[in-house]
Amino acid sequence: MHQTTAASAVPPTSVPRDVPHAEGVSNDEFRGAMARLAAGVVLVTAREAPLSEDGPQGEDAGMTATSFLSVSLDPPLVLVSVRTGSRMDDLLEEQPLWAASLLTESQRHIAGRFAMKGRLSDRLLFEDVPYRRGEVTDAPLVRGSLATLECRTEQRVAAGDHTLVIGRVLTAELPAAEGGPLTYFRGRYRRLD
């Protein structure tokens, strides 16, 4: 009979530390699997800080996000995943104040505009989007969205080719928006039925 000493016993709930990362999963397979996870669509916005007190105001920036979620109730925290090295990642590294507008199904054109590859300048993207400035962040908040949140970055975590930005929610508003949420499923924007 073999006896195990306390030092060599491994509890059944522990995970071995030497498990290698799964190999053989292609980008297309991973993308295809994750496309089956429906997600809400959010426009994340921030305003560049001015270079000097008497200098010109910084520009607005926006990014469509489907990797956005609630993290904690106390304190109120949310998380957004941004591509490392992107305009929004660089901006949120310098500017701790940002906002999120939870888009409605009628705001699909806004989501598509801020998700385009090789897109126009942010100034042109905001040109005909109805928004107001957040009182705390000065970031654009899309009018008619389901909810708007103003946030301050609490933590940034490197995760593969993305940065997870965890923000403390400073304000939350629930405008009287019409319609349901805009969702993203199987590579397309969808309505909830």
N, C-alpha and C. Protein backbone atom coordinates (compact mmCIF):
# COMPACT_ATOMS: atom_id res chain seq x y z
N MET A 1 0.84 -1.17 0.00
CA MET A 1 0.00 0.00 0.00
C MET A 1 0.89 1.24 0.00
N HIS A 2 0.56 2.19 -0.89
CA HIS A 2 1.36 3.41 -1.00
C HIS A 2 0.75 4.48 -0.12
N GLN A 3 1.58 5.12 0.67
CA GLN A 3 1.10 6.21 1.52
C GLN A 3 1.59 7.53 0.95
N THR A 4 0.74 8.55 1.07
CA THR A 4 1.12 9.88 0.62
C THR A 4 1.40 10.72 1.83
N THR A 5 2.49 11.45 1.75
CA THR A 5 2.80 12.37 2.85
C THR A 5 2.04 13.66 2.62
N ALA A 6 1.89 14.43 3.67
CA ALA A 6 1.18 15.71 3.56
C ALA A 6 1.86 16.62 2.56
N ALA A 7 3.17 16.57 2.48
CA ALA A 7 3.89 17.45 1.57
C ALA A 7 3.64 17.08 0.11
N SER A 8 3.40 15.80 -0.18
CA SER A 8 3.22 15.41 -1.58
C SER A 8 1.75 15.30 -1.98
N ALA A 9 0.84 15.42 -1.04
CA ALA A 9 -0.58 15.31 -1.37
C ALA A 9 -1.04 16.56 -2.12
N VAL A 10 -1.82 16.33 -3.16
CA VAL A 10 -2.38 17.44 -3.93
C VAL A 10 -3.89 17.40 -3.76
N PRO A 11 -4.46 18.46 -3.21
CA PRO A 11 -5.91 18.46 -3.05
C PRO A 11 -6.60 18.31 -4.41
N PRO A 12 -7.72 17.60 -4.48
CA PRO A 12 -8.37 17.37 -5.76
C PRO A 12 -8.87 18.64 -6.45
N THR A 13 -9.04 19.73 -5.71
CA THR A 13 -9.54 20.96 -6.32
C THR A 13 -8.44 21.84 -6.87
N SER A 14 -7.18 21.51 -6.61
CA SER A 14 -6.11 22.38 -7.11
C SER A 14 -5.82 22.07 -8.57
N VAL A 15 -5.32 23.06 -9.30
CA VAL A 15 -4.97 22.91 -10.70
C VAL A 15 -3.46 22.79 -10.80
N PRO A 16 -2.96 21.78 -11.49
CA PRO A 16 -1.51 21.66 -11.64
C PRO A 16 -0.95 22.92 -12.29
N ARG A 17 0.21 23.35 -11.82
CA ARG A 17 0.80 24.58 -12.31
C ARG A 17 1.51 24.40 -13.65
N ASP A 18 1.76 23.17 -14.05
CA ASP A 18 2.52 22.96 -15.27
C ASP A 18 1.64 22.62 -16.48
N VAL A 19 0.35 22.97 -16.43
CA VAL A 19 -0.52 22.70 -17.57
C VAL A 19 -0.20 23.72 -18.67
N PRO A 20 0.20 23.25 -19.85
CA PRO A 20 0.57 24.18 -20.91
C PRO A 20 -0.65 24.86 -21.51
N HIS A 21 -0.42 25.99 -22.14
CA HIS A 21 -1.48 26.69 -22.87
C HIS A 21 -1.94 25.78 -24.01
N ALA A 22 -3.23 25.76 -24.25
CA ALA A 22 -3.77 24.93 -25.32
C ALA A 22 -3.10 25.27 -26.65
N GLU A 23 -2.70 24.24 -27.36
CA GLU A 23 -2.07 24.44 -28.66
C GLU A 23 -3.01 23.96 -29.74
N GLY A 24 -2.85 24.51 -30.92
CA GLY A 24 -3.65 24.06 -32.04
C GLY A 24 -4.95 24.82 -32.21
N VAL A 25 -5.26 25.77 -31.36
CA VAL A 25 -6.47 26.58 -31.51
C VAL A 25 -6.11 27.76 -32.41
N SER A 26 -6.71 27.80 -33.58
CA SER A 26 -6.40 28.88 -34.51
C SER A 26 -7.18 30.14 -34.12
N ASN A 27 -6.73 31.26 -34.66
CA ASN A 27 -7.44 32.51 -34.43
C ASN A 27 -8.88 32.41 -34.92
N ASP A 28 -9.08 31.77 -36.08
CA ASP A 28 -10.43 31.64 -36.63
C ASP A 28 -11.32 30.77 -35.74
N GLU A 29 -10.77 29.68 -35.21
CA GLU A 29 -11.55 28.81 -34.32
C GLU A 29 -11.94 29.55 -33.04
N PHE A 30 -10.97 30.27 -32.47
CA PHE A 30 -11.25 31.02 -31.25
C PHE A 30 -12.28 32.12 -31.52
N ARG A 31 -12.07 32.87 -32.60
CA ARG A 31 -13.00 33.94 -32.97
C ARG A 31 -14.40 33.37 -33.21
N GLY A 32 -14.48 32.23 -33.89
CA GLY A 32 -15.78 31.60 -34.17
C GLY A 32 -16.50 31.17 -32.90
N ALA A 33 -15.75 30.62 -31.97
CA ALA A 33 -16.36 30.20 -30.70
C ALA A 33 -16.86 31.40 -29.92
N MET A 34 -16.06 32.46 -29.84
CA MET A 34 -16.45 33.64 -29.06
C MET A 34 -17.56 34.44 -29.75
N ALA A 35 -17.72 34.29 -31.07
CA ALA A 35 -18.79 34.97 -31.79
C ALA A 35 -20.16 34.46 -31.37
N ARG A 36 -20.18 33.30 -30.74
CA ARG A 36 -21.45 32.73 -30.29
C ARG A 36 -21.85 33.22 -28.90
N LEU A 37 -21.05 34.10 -28.35
CA LEU A 37 -21.37 34.73 -27.07
C LEU A 37 -21.95 36.11 -27.38
N ALA A 38 -23.24 36.28 -27.16
CA ALA A 38 -23.87 37.58 -27.43
C ALA A 38 -23.35 38.61 -26.43
N ALA A 39 -23.15 39.83 -26.91
CA ALA A 39 -22.60 40.89 -26.06
C ALA A 39 -23.34 42.19 -26.33
N GLY A 40 -23.45 43.00 -25.30
CA GLY A 40 -23.98 44.34 -25.47
C GLY A 40 -22.94 45.21 -26.16
N VAL A 41 -23.40 46.29 -26.80
CA VAL A 41 -22.50 47.17 -27.54
C VAL A 41 -22.44 48.52 -26.84
N VAL A 42 -21.21 48.99 -26.62
CA VAL A 42 -20.97 50.20 -25.86
C VAL A 42 -20.04 51.11 -26.66
N LEU A 43 -20.28 52.41 -26.60
CA LEU A 43 -19.32 53.36 -27.16
C LEU A 43 -18.53 53.93 -25.99
N VAL A 44 -17.22 53.64 -25.99
CA VAL A 44 -16.32 54.16 -24.96
C VAL A 44 -15.70 55.44 -25.50
N THR A 45 -15.74 56.51 -24.71
CA THR A 45 -15.25 57.80 -25.17
C THR A 45 -14.34 58.43 -24.11
N ALA A 46 -13.46 59.29 -24.58
CA ALA A 46 -12.59 60.05 -23.68
C ALA A 46 -12.17 61.31 -24.40
N ARG A 47 -11.76 62.28 -23.64
CA ARG A 47 -11.26 63.53 -24.22
C ARG A 47 -9.80 63.69 -23.81
N GLU A 48 -8.96 63.97 -24.79
CA GLU A 48 -7.55 64.19 -24.49
C GLU A 48 -7.42 65.38 -23.54
N ALA A 49 -6.50 65.27 -22.62
CA ALA A 49 -6.21 66.40 -21.74
C ALA A 49 -5.48 67.46 -22.54
N PRO A 50 -5.72 68.76 -22.27
CA PRO A 50 -4.98 69.80 -22.98
C PRO A 50 -3.49 69.71 -22.64
N LEU A 51 -2.65 70.09 -23.58
CA LEU A 51 -1.20 70.04 -23.35
C LEU A 51 -0.77 71.06 -22.32
N SER A 52 -1.50 72.17 -22.22
CA SER A 52 -1.20 73.20 -21.23
C SER A 52 -2.51 73.85 -20.79
N GLU A 53 -2.47 74.56 -19.67
CA GLU A 53 -3.69 75.18 -19.14
C GLU A 53 -4.28 76.19 -20.11
N ASP A 54 -3.44 76.93 -20.80
CA ASP A 54 -3.95 77.95 -21.71
C ASP A 54 -3.92 77.50 -23.18
N GLY A 55 -3.60 76.22 -23.40
CA GLY A 55 -3.54 75.70 -24.77
C GLY A 55 -4.90 75.22 -25.24
N PRO A 56 -4.97 74.75 -26.49
CA PRO A 56 -6.23 74.26 -27.03
C PRO A 56 -6.69 72.99 -26.32
N GLN A 57 -8.01 72.79 -26.32
CA GLN A 57 -8.58 71.58 -25.72
C GLN A 57 -8.15 70.37 -26.53
N GLY A 58 -8.05 69.23 -25.86
CA GLY A 58 -7.71 68.00 -26.56
C GLY A 58 -8.89 67.50 -27.38
N GLU A 59 -8.62 66.57 -28.28
CA GLU A 59 -9.67 66.01 -29.13
C GLU A 59 -10.41 64.89 -28.41
N ASP A 60 -11.62 64.62 -28.89
CA ASP A 60 -12.41 63.50 -28.40
C ASP A 60 -11.98 62.24 -29.15
N ALA A 61 -12.10 61.11 -28.48
CA ALA A 61 -11.84 59.82 -29.12
C ALA A 61 -12.96 58.87 -28.72
N GLY A 62 -13.26 57.92 -29.61
CA GLY A 62 -14.31 56.95 -29.33
C GLY A 62 -13.96 55.60 -29.89
N MET A 63 -14.51 54.56 -29.26
CA MET A 63 -14.24 53.18 -29.67
C MET A 63 -15.46 52.33 -29.36
N THR A 64 -15.90 51.53 -30.33
CA THR A 64 -16.98 50.58 -30.09
C THR A 64 -16.40 49.39 -29.33
N ALA A 65 -17.10 48.98 -28.27
CA ALA A 65 -16.63 47.86 -27.46
C ALA A 65 -17.75 46.86 -27.23
N THR A 66 -17.41 45.59 -27.34
CA THR A 66 -18.35 44.53 -26.94
C THR A 66 -17.79 43.76 -25.75
N SER A 67 -16.54 44.02 -25.40
CA SER A 67 -15.94 43.42 -24.20
C SER A 67 -16.01 44.45 -23.08
N PHE A 68 -17.20 44.59 -22.53
CA PHE A 68 -17.47 45.57 -21.47
C PHE A 68 -18.35 44.87 -20.46
N LEU A 69 -17.99 44.95 -19.18
CA LEU A 69 -18.79 44.25 -18.17
C LEU A 69 -18.67 44.88 -16.79
N SER A 70 -19.63 44.54 -15.97
CA SER A 70 -19.64 44.95 -14.58
C SER A 70 -18.67 44.06 -13.80
N VAL A 71 -17.88 44.65 -12.93
CA VAL A 71 -16.89 43.89 -12.15
C VAL A 71 -17.28 43.82 -10.69
N SER A 72 -17.75 44.93 -10.13
CA SER A 72 -18.00 45.00 -8.69
C SER A 72 -19.12 45.99 -8.41
N LEU A 73 -19.89 45.70 -7.37
CA LEU A 73 -20.93 46.62 -6.93
C LEU A 73 -20.40 47.59 -5.88
N ASP A 74 -19.50 47.11 -5.02
CA ASP A 74 -18.97 47.93 -3.94
C ASP A 74 -17.46 47.77 -3.85
N PRO A 75 -16.68 48.67 -4.45
CA PRO A 75 -17.10 49.88 -5.15
C PRO A 75 -17.62 49.54 -6.54
N PRO A 76 -18.37 50.46 -7.17
CA PRO A 76 -18.88 50.19 -8.51
C PRO A 76 -17.76 50.24 -9.54
N LEU A 77 -17.45 49.08 -10.13
CA LEU A 77 -16.36 48.97 -11.10
C LEU A 77 -16.86 48.32 -12.38
N VAL A 78 -16.34 48.79 -13.51
CA VAL A 78 -16.58 48.17 -14.80
C VAL A 78 -15.24 47.89 -15.46
N LEU A 79 -15.28 47.05 -16.51
CA LEU A 79 -14.06 46.69 -17.22
C LEU A 79 -14.32 46.80 -18.72
N VAL A 80 -13.36 47.35 -19.43
CA VAL A 80 -13.40 47.35 -20.89
C VAL A 80 -12.06 46.84 -21.40
N SER A 81 -12.12 46.04 -22.45
CA SER A 81 -10.92 45.49 -23.06
C SER A 81 -10.60 46.30 -24.32
N VAL A 82 -9.38 46.84 -24.39
CA VAL A 82 -8.97 47.64 -25.55
C VAL A 82 -7.70 47.03 -26.16
N ARG A 83 -7.60 47.10 -27.47
CA ARG A 83 -6.43 46.53 -28.14
C ARG A 83 -5.18 47.30 -27.75
N THR A 84 -4.16 46.60 -27.31
CA THR A 84 -2.90 47.21 -26.91
C THR A 84 -2.31 48.00 -28.07
N GLY A 85 -1.90 49.24 -27.77
CA GLY A 85 -1.29 50.08 -28.78
C GLY A 85 -2.28 50.84 -29.64
N SER A 86 -3.59 50.63 -29.43
CA SER A 86 -4.59 51.36 -30.21
C SER A 86 -4.67 52.80 -29.71
N ARG A 87 -5.35 53.62 -30.47
CA ARG A 87 -5.54 55.02 -30.07
C ARG A 87 -6.18 55.11 -28.70
N MET A 88 -7.22 54.29 -28.45
CA MET A 88 -7.91 54.36 -27.16
C MET A 88 -7.02 53.84 -26.03
N ASP A 89 -6.24 52.82 -26.28
CA ASP A 89 -5.32 52.31 -25.26
C ASP A 89 -4.31 53.39 -24.88
N ASP A 90 -3.73 54.03 -25.88
CA ASP A 90 -2.75 55.10 -25.62
C ASP A 90 -3.40 56.25 -24.86
N LEU A 91 -4.60 56.63 -25.27
CA LEU A 91 -5.28 57.75 -24.61
C LEU A 91 -5.63 57.41 -23.16
N LEU A 92 -6.17 56.19 -22.92
CA LEU A 92 -6.56 55.83 -21.55
C LEU A 92 -5.36 55.58 -20.64
N GLU A 93 -4.19 55.42 -21.22
CA GLU A 93 -2.97 55.32 -20.41
C GLU A 93 -2.61 56.69 -19.85
N GLU A 94 -2.93 57.75 -20.58
CA GLU A 94 -2.62 59.11 -20.15
C GLU A 94 -3.81 59.79 -19.47
N GLN A 95 -5.02 59.50 -19.93
CA GLN A 95 -6.23 60.16 -19.44
C GLN A 95 -7.02 59.16 -18.58
N PRO A 96 -7.10 59.37 -17.27
CA PRO A 96 -7.80 58.41 -16.42
C PRO A 96 -9.32 58.54 -16.46
N LEU A 97 -9.85 59.63 -17.03
CA LEU A 97 -11.29 59.85 -17.06
C LEU A 97 -11.86 59.47 -18.42
N TRP A 98 -12.92 58.66 -18.42
CA TRP A 98 -13.53 58.20 -19.66
C TRP A 98 -15.00 57.89 -19.41
N ALA A 99 -15.72 57.58 -20.46
CA ALA A 99 -17.15 57.34 -20.34
C ALA A 99 -17.57 56.18 -21.22
N ALA A 100 -18.76 55.65 -20.93
CA ALA A 100 -19.34 54.57 -21.72
C ALA A 100 -20.82 54.87 -21.94
N SER A 101 -21.26 54.77 -23.18
CA SER A 101 -22.67 54.92 -23.53
C SER A 101 -23.17 53.57 -24.01
N LEU A 102 -24.15 53.00 -23.33
CA LEU A 102 -24.71 51.70 -23.69
C LEU A 102 -25.73 51.94 -24.80
N LEU A 103 -25.41 51.47 -26.01
CA LEU A 103 -26.16 51.83 -27.20
C LEU A 103 -27.47 51.05 -27.34
N THR A 104 -28.44 51.70 -27.98
CA THR A 104 -29.73 51.07 -28.27
C THR A 104 -29.67 50.46 -29.67
N GLU A 105 -30.66 49.63 -29.96
CA GLU A 105 -30.72 48.97 -31.26
C GLU A 105 -30.84 49.97 -32.42
N SER A 106 -31.33 51.17 -32.15
CA SER A 106 -31.44 52.18 -33.21
C SER A 106 -30.12 52.94 -33.41
N GLN A 107 -29.10 52.65 -32.62
CA GLN A 107 -27.81 53.34 -32.74
C GLN A 107 -26.73 52.47 -33.38
N ARG A 108 -27.17 51.52 -34.18
CA ARG A 108 -26.25 50.62 -34.89
C ARG A 108 -25.25 51.40 -35.74
N HIS A 109 -25.70 52.48 -36.38
CA HIS A 109 -24.81 53.28 -37.24
C HIS A 109 -23.67 53.90 -36.44
N ILE A 110 -23.92 54.25 -35.19
CA ILE A 110 -22.85 54.81 -34.34
C ILE A 110 -21.82 53.73 -34.02
N ALA A 111 -22.32 52.55 -33.66
CA ALA A 111 -21.41 51.44 -33.35
C ALA A 111 -20.55 51.11 -34.56
N GLY A 112 -21.16 51.02 -35.73
CA GLY A 112 -20.41 50.69 -36.94
C GLY A 112 -19.39 51.74 -37.31
N ARG A 113 -19.74 52.97 -37.12
CA ARG A 113 -18.84 54.08 -37.45
C ARG A 113 -17.57 54.04 -36.61
N PHE A 114 -17.70 53.80 -35.31
CA PHE A 114 -16.54 53.82 -34.42
C PHE A 114 -15.79 52.48 -34.38
N ALA A 115 -16.27 51.50 -35.15
CA ALA A 115 -15.59 50.20 -35.23
C ALA A 115 -14.86 50.01 -36.54
N MET A 116 -14.99 50.97 -37.47
CA MET A 116 -14.39 50.82 -38.80
C MET A 116 -12.87 50.73 -38.73
N LYS A 117 -12.32 49.88 -39.59
CA LYS A 117 -10.86 49.83 -39.76
C LYS A 117 -10.49 50.90 -40.77
N GLY A 118 -9.34 51.53 -40.58
CA GLY A 118 -8.91 52.57 -41.48
C GLY A 118 -9.89 53.73 -41.49
N ARG A 119 -10.41 54.02 -40.32
CA ARG A 119 -11.48 55.00 -40.21
C ARG A 119 -11.00 56.44 -40.31
N LEU A 120 -11.99 57.33 -40.36
CA LEU A 120 -11.73 58.76 -40.41
C LEU A 120 -11.20 59.25 -39.08
N SER A 121 -10.86 60.53 -39.03
CA SER A 121 -10.41 61.10 -37.78
C SER A 121 -11.57 61.12 -36.78
N ASP A 122 -11.24 61.08 -35.50
CA ASP A 122 -12.27 61.09 -34.47
C ASP A 122 -13.14 62.34 -34.56
N ARG A 123 -12.55 63.47 -34.95
CA ARG A 123 -13.32 64.71 -35.05
C ARG A 123 -14.47 64.53 -36.03
N LEU A 124 -14.20 63.91 -37.19
CA LEU A 124 -15.24 63.68 -38.18
C LEU A 124 -16.25 62.63 -37.72
N LEU A 125 -15.79 61.64 -36.98
CA LEU A 125 -16.70 60.60 -36.51
C LEU A 125 -17.76 61.16 -35.56
N PHE A 126 -17.39 62.13 -34.75
CA PHE A 126 -18.34 62.72 -33.80
C PHE A 126 -19.22 63.80 -34.43
N GLU A 127 -18.92 64.18 -35.67
CA GLU A 127 -19.52 65.37 -36.26
C GLU A 127 -21.05 65.41 -36.16
N ASP A 128 -21.76 64.33 -36.50
CA ASP A 128 -23.22 64.38 -36.45
C ASP A 128 -23.81 63.41 -35.42
N VAL A 129 -23.01 63.00 -34.45
CA VAL A 129 -23.50 62.14 -33.36
C VAL A 129 -24.04 63.05 -32.25
N PRO A 130 -25.32 62.90 -31.89
CA PRO A 130 -25.85 63.75 -30.81
C PRO A 130 -25.28 63.31 -29.46
N TYR A 131 -24.59 64.21 -28.80
CA TYR A 131 -24.02 63.88 -27.50
C TYR A 131 -23.98 65.13 -26.63
N ARG A 132 -23.74 64.89 -25.37
CA ARG A 132 -23.47 65.98 -24.43
C ARG A 132 -22.19 65.62 -23.69
N ARG A 133 -21.60 66.57 -23.04
CA ARG A 133 -20.36 66.33 -22.30
C ARG A 133 -20.67 65.86 -20.89
N GLY A 134 -19.90 64.88 -20.44
CA GLY A 134 -20.04 64.43 -19.06
C GLY A 134 -19.57 65.51 -18.10
N GLU A 135 -20.29 65.66 -17.01
CA GLU A 135 -19.95 66.70 -16.03
C GLU A 135 -18.63 66.41 -15.33
N VAL A 136 -18.30 65.15 -15.14
CA VAL A 136 -17.09 64.78 -14.42
C VAL A 136 -15.92 64.54 -15.37
N THR A 137 -16.18 63.85 -16.49
CA THR A 137 -15.09 63.43 -17.38
C THR A 137 -14.89 64.34 -18.58
N ASP A 138 -15.87 65.15 -18.92
CA ASP A 138 -15.87 65.99 -20.12
C ASP A 138 -15.87 65.13 -21.39
N ALA A 139 -16.10 63.84 -21.26
CA ALA A 139 -16.14 62.93 -22.41
C ALA A 139 -17.53 62.97 -23.04
N PRO A 140 -17.62 62.70 -24.34
CA PRO A 140 -18.93 62.66 -24.98
C PRO A 140 -19.80 61.51 -24.45
N LEU A 141 -21.07 61.84 -24.14
CA LEU A 141 -22.06 60.85 -23.74
C LEU A 141 -23.16 60.87 -24.81
N VAL A 142 -23.39 59.75 -25.46
CA VAL A 142 -24.32 59.69 -26.59
C VAL A 142 -25.75 59.88 -26.09
N ARG A 143 -26.42 60.86 -26.68
CA ARG A 143 -27.83 61.10 -26.34
C ARG A 143 -28.69 59.95 -26.85
N GLY A 144 -29.71 59.60 -26.07
CA GLY A 144 -30.62 58.54 -26.47
C GLY A 144 -30.12 57.14 -26.16
N SER A 145 -28.96 57.00 -25.53
CA SER A 145 -28.46 55.67 -25.19
C SER A 145 -29.23 55.12 -23.98
N LEU A 146 -29.12 53.82 -23.76
CA LEU A 146 -29.84 53.18 -22.66
C LEU A 146 -29.33 53.65 -21.30
N ALA A 147 -28.04 53.83 -21.20
CA ALA A 147 -27.42 54.29 -19.96
C ALA A 147 -26.08 54.92 -20.30
N THR A 148 -25.62 55.82 -19.45
CA THR A 148 -24.29 56.40 -19.60
C THR A 148 -23.57 56.30 -18.26
N LEU A 149 -22.28 56.01 -18.34
CA LEU A 149 -21.43 55.89 -17.17
C LEU A 149 -20.21 56.77 -17.36
N GLU A 150 -19.84 57.49 -16.33
CA GLU A 150 -18.57 58.21 -16.33
C GLU A 150 -17.66 57.48 -15.36
N CYS A 151 -16.41 57.27 -15.78
CA CYS A 151 -15.51 56.40 -15.03
C CYS A 151 -14.12 57.03 -14.86
N ARG A 152 -13.41 56.52 -13.85
CA ARG A 152 -12.01 56.87 -13.63
C ARG A 152 -11.22 55.57 -13.54
N THR A 153 -10.16 55.46 -14.31
CA THR A 153 -9.37 54.23 -14.32
C THR A 153 -8.78 53.95 -12.95
N GLU A 154 -9.01 52.74 -12.48
CA GLU A 154 -8.44 52.26 -11.20
C GLU A 154 -7.25 51.35 -11.45
N GLN A 155 -7.30 50.59 -12.55
CA GLN A 155 -6.25 49.60 -12.80
C GLN A 155 -6.21 49.27 -14.28
N ARG A 156 -5.01 48.99 -14.78
CA ARG A 156 -4.80 48.53 -16.15
C ARG A 156 -4.06 47.19 -16.07
N VAL A 157 -4.55 46.20 -16.79
CA VAL A 157 -3.96 44.87 -16.74
C VAL A 157 -3.63 44.43 -18.16
N ALA A 158 -2.37 44.11 -18.42
CA ALA A 158 -1.97 43.57 -19.73
C ALA A 158 -2.51 42.15 -19.84
N ALA A 159 -3.18 41.85 -20.97
CA ALA A 159 -3.76 40.53 -21.18
C ALA A 159 -3.62 40.17 -22.66
N GLY A 160 -2.54 39.47 -23.01
CA GLY A 160 -2.32 39.10 -24.40
C GLY A 160 -2.14 40.34 -25.25
N ASP A 161 -2.93 40.44 -26.33
CA ASP A 161 -2.82 41.60 -27.22
C ASP A 161 -3.80 42.71 -26.85
N HIS A 162 -4.36 42.64 -25.65
CA HIS A 162 -5.30 43.66 -25.17
C HIS A 162 -4.89 44.16 -23.78
N THR A 163 -5.46 45.29 -23.41
CA THR A 163 -5.32 45.85 -22.07
C THR A 163 -6.70 45.88 -21.45
N LEU A 164 -6.82 45.34 -20.24
CA LEU A 164 -8.08 45.40 -19.51
C LEU A 164 -8.04 46.66 -18.66
N VAL A 165 -8.98 47.56 -18.90
CA VAL A 165 -9.05 48.82 -18.17
C VAL A 165 -10.21 48.72 -17.20
N ILE A 166 -9.90 48.76 -15.91
CA ILE A 166 -10.93 48.69 -14.87
C ILE A 166 -11.18 50.10 -14.37
N GLY A 167 -12.43 50.52 -14.44
CA GLY A 167 -12.77 51.88 -14.06
C GLY A 167 -13.79 51.93 -12.94
N ARG A 168 -13.62 52.90 -12.05
CA ARG A 168 -14.61 53.16 -11.00
C ARG A 168 -15.69 54.04 -11.60
N VAL A 169 -16.94 53.65 -11.42
CA VAL A 169 -18.05 54.42 -11.97
C VAL A 169 -18.30 55.62 -11.06
N LEU A 170 -18.20 56.80 -11.66
CA LEU A 170 -18.38 58.06 -10.92
C LEU A 170 -19.79 58.60 -11.05
N THR A 171 -20.42 58.41 -12.21
CA THR A 171 -21.81 58.78 -12.42
C THR A 171 -22.47 57.71 -13.27
N ALA A 172 -23.76 57.51 -13.06
CA ALA A 172 -24.55 56.59 -13.87
C ALA A 172 -25.90 57.24 -14.11
N GLU A 173 -26.28 57.35 -15.38
CA GLU A 173 -27.57 57.95 -15.72
C GLU A 173 -28.35 57.01 -16.62
N LEU A 174 -29.66 57.04 -16.46
CA LEU A 174 -30.56 56.20 -17.24
C LEU A 174 -31.51 57.09 -18.03
N PRO A 175 -31.07 57.59 -19.20
CA PRO A 175 -31.96 58.43 -20.00
C PRO A 175 -33.20 57.64 -20.42
N ALA A 176 -34.22 58.35 -20.76
CA ALA A 176 -35.47 57.70 -21.21
C ALA A 176 -35.31 57.28 -22.66
N ALA A 177 -34.51 56.28 -22.92
CA ALA A 177 -34.24 55.83 -24.28
C ALA A 177 -35.34 54.89 -24.76
N GLU A 178 -35.61 54.95 -26.03
CA GLU A 178 -36.59 54.05 -26.66
C GLU A 178 -35.88 52.80 -27.16
N GLY A 179 -36.58 51.69 -27.15
CA GLY A 179 -36.04 50.47 -27.75
C GLY A 179 -35.18 49.66 -26.82
N GLY A 180 -34.70 48.56 -27.35
CA GLY A 180 -33.88 47.64 -26.57
C GLY A 180 -32.40 47.86 -26.82
N PRO A 181 -31.57 47.01 -26.21
CA PRO A 181 -30.13 47.16 -26.35
C PRO A 181 -29.64 46.67 -27.72
N LEU A 182 -28.57 47.29 -28.18
CA LEU A 182 -27.88 46.80 -29.37
C LEU A 182 -26.97 45.67 -28.92
N THR A 183 -27.05 44.53 -29.59
CA THR A 183 -26.20 43.40 -29.24
C THR A 183 -25.35 43.00 -30.44
N TYR A 184 -24.29 42.25 -30.15
CA TYR A 184 -23.38 41.76 -31.18
C TYR A 184 -23.33 40.26 -31.04
N PHE A 185 -23.68 39.54 -32.13
CA PHE A 185 -23.73 38.08 -32.09
C PHE A 185 -23.39 37.54 -33.48
N ARG A 186 -22.49 36.57 -33.52
CA ARG A 186 -22.05 35.95 -34.77
C ARG A 186 -21.60 36.97 -35.80
N GLY A 187 -20.83 37.96 -35.31
CA GLY A 187 -20.21 38.92 -36.22
C GLY A 187 -21.12 40.00 -36.76
N ARG A 188 -22.34 40.13 -36.20
CA ARG A 188 -23.27 41.15 -36.67
C ARG A 188 -23.96 41.82 -35.50
N TYR A 189 -24.37 43.08 -35.72
CA TYR A 189 -25.18 43.77 -34.74
C TYR A 189 -26.60 43.21 -34.84
N ARG A 190 -27.23 42.99 -33.68
CA ARG A 190 -28.55 42.36 -33.65
C ARG A 190 -29.47 43.09 -32.69
N ARG A 191 -30.76 42.81 -32.83
CA ARG A 191 -31.78 43.28 -31.89
C ARG A 191 -32.23 42.10 -31.05
N LEU A 192 -32.59 42.37 -29.82
CA LEU A 192 -33.18 41.33 -29.00
C LEU A 192 -34.63 41.16 -29.40
N ASP A 193 -35.09 39.94 -29.59
CA ASP A 193 -36.51 39.71 -29.92
C ASP A 193 -37.21 39.12 -28.72
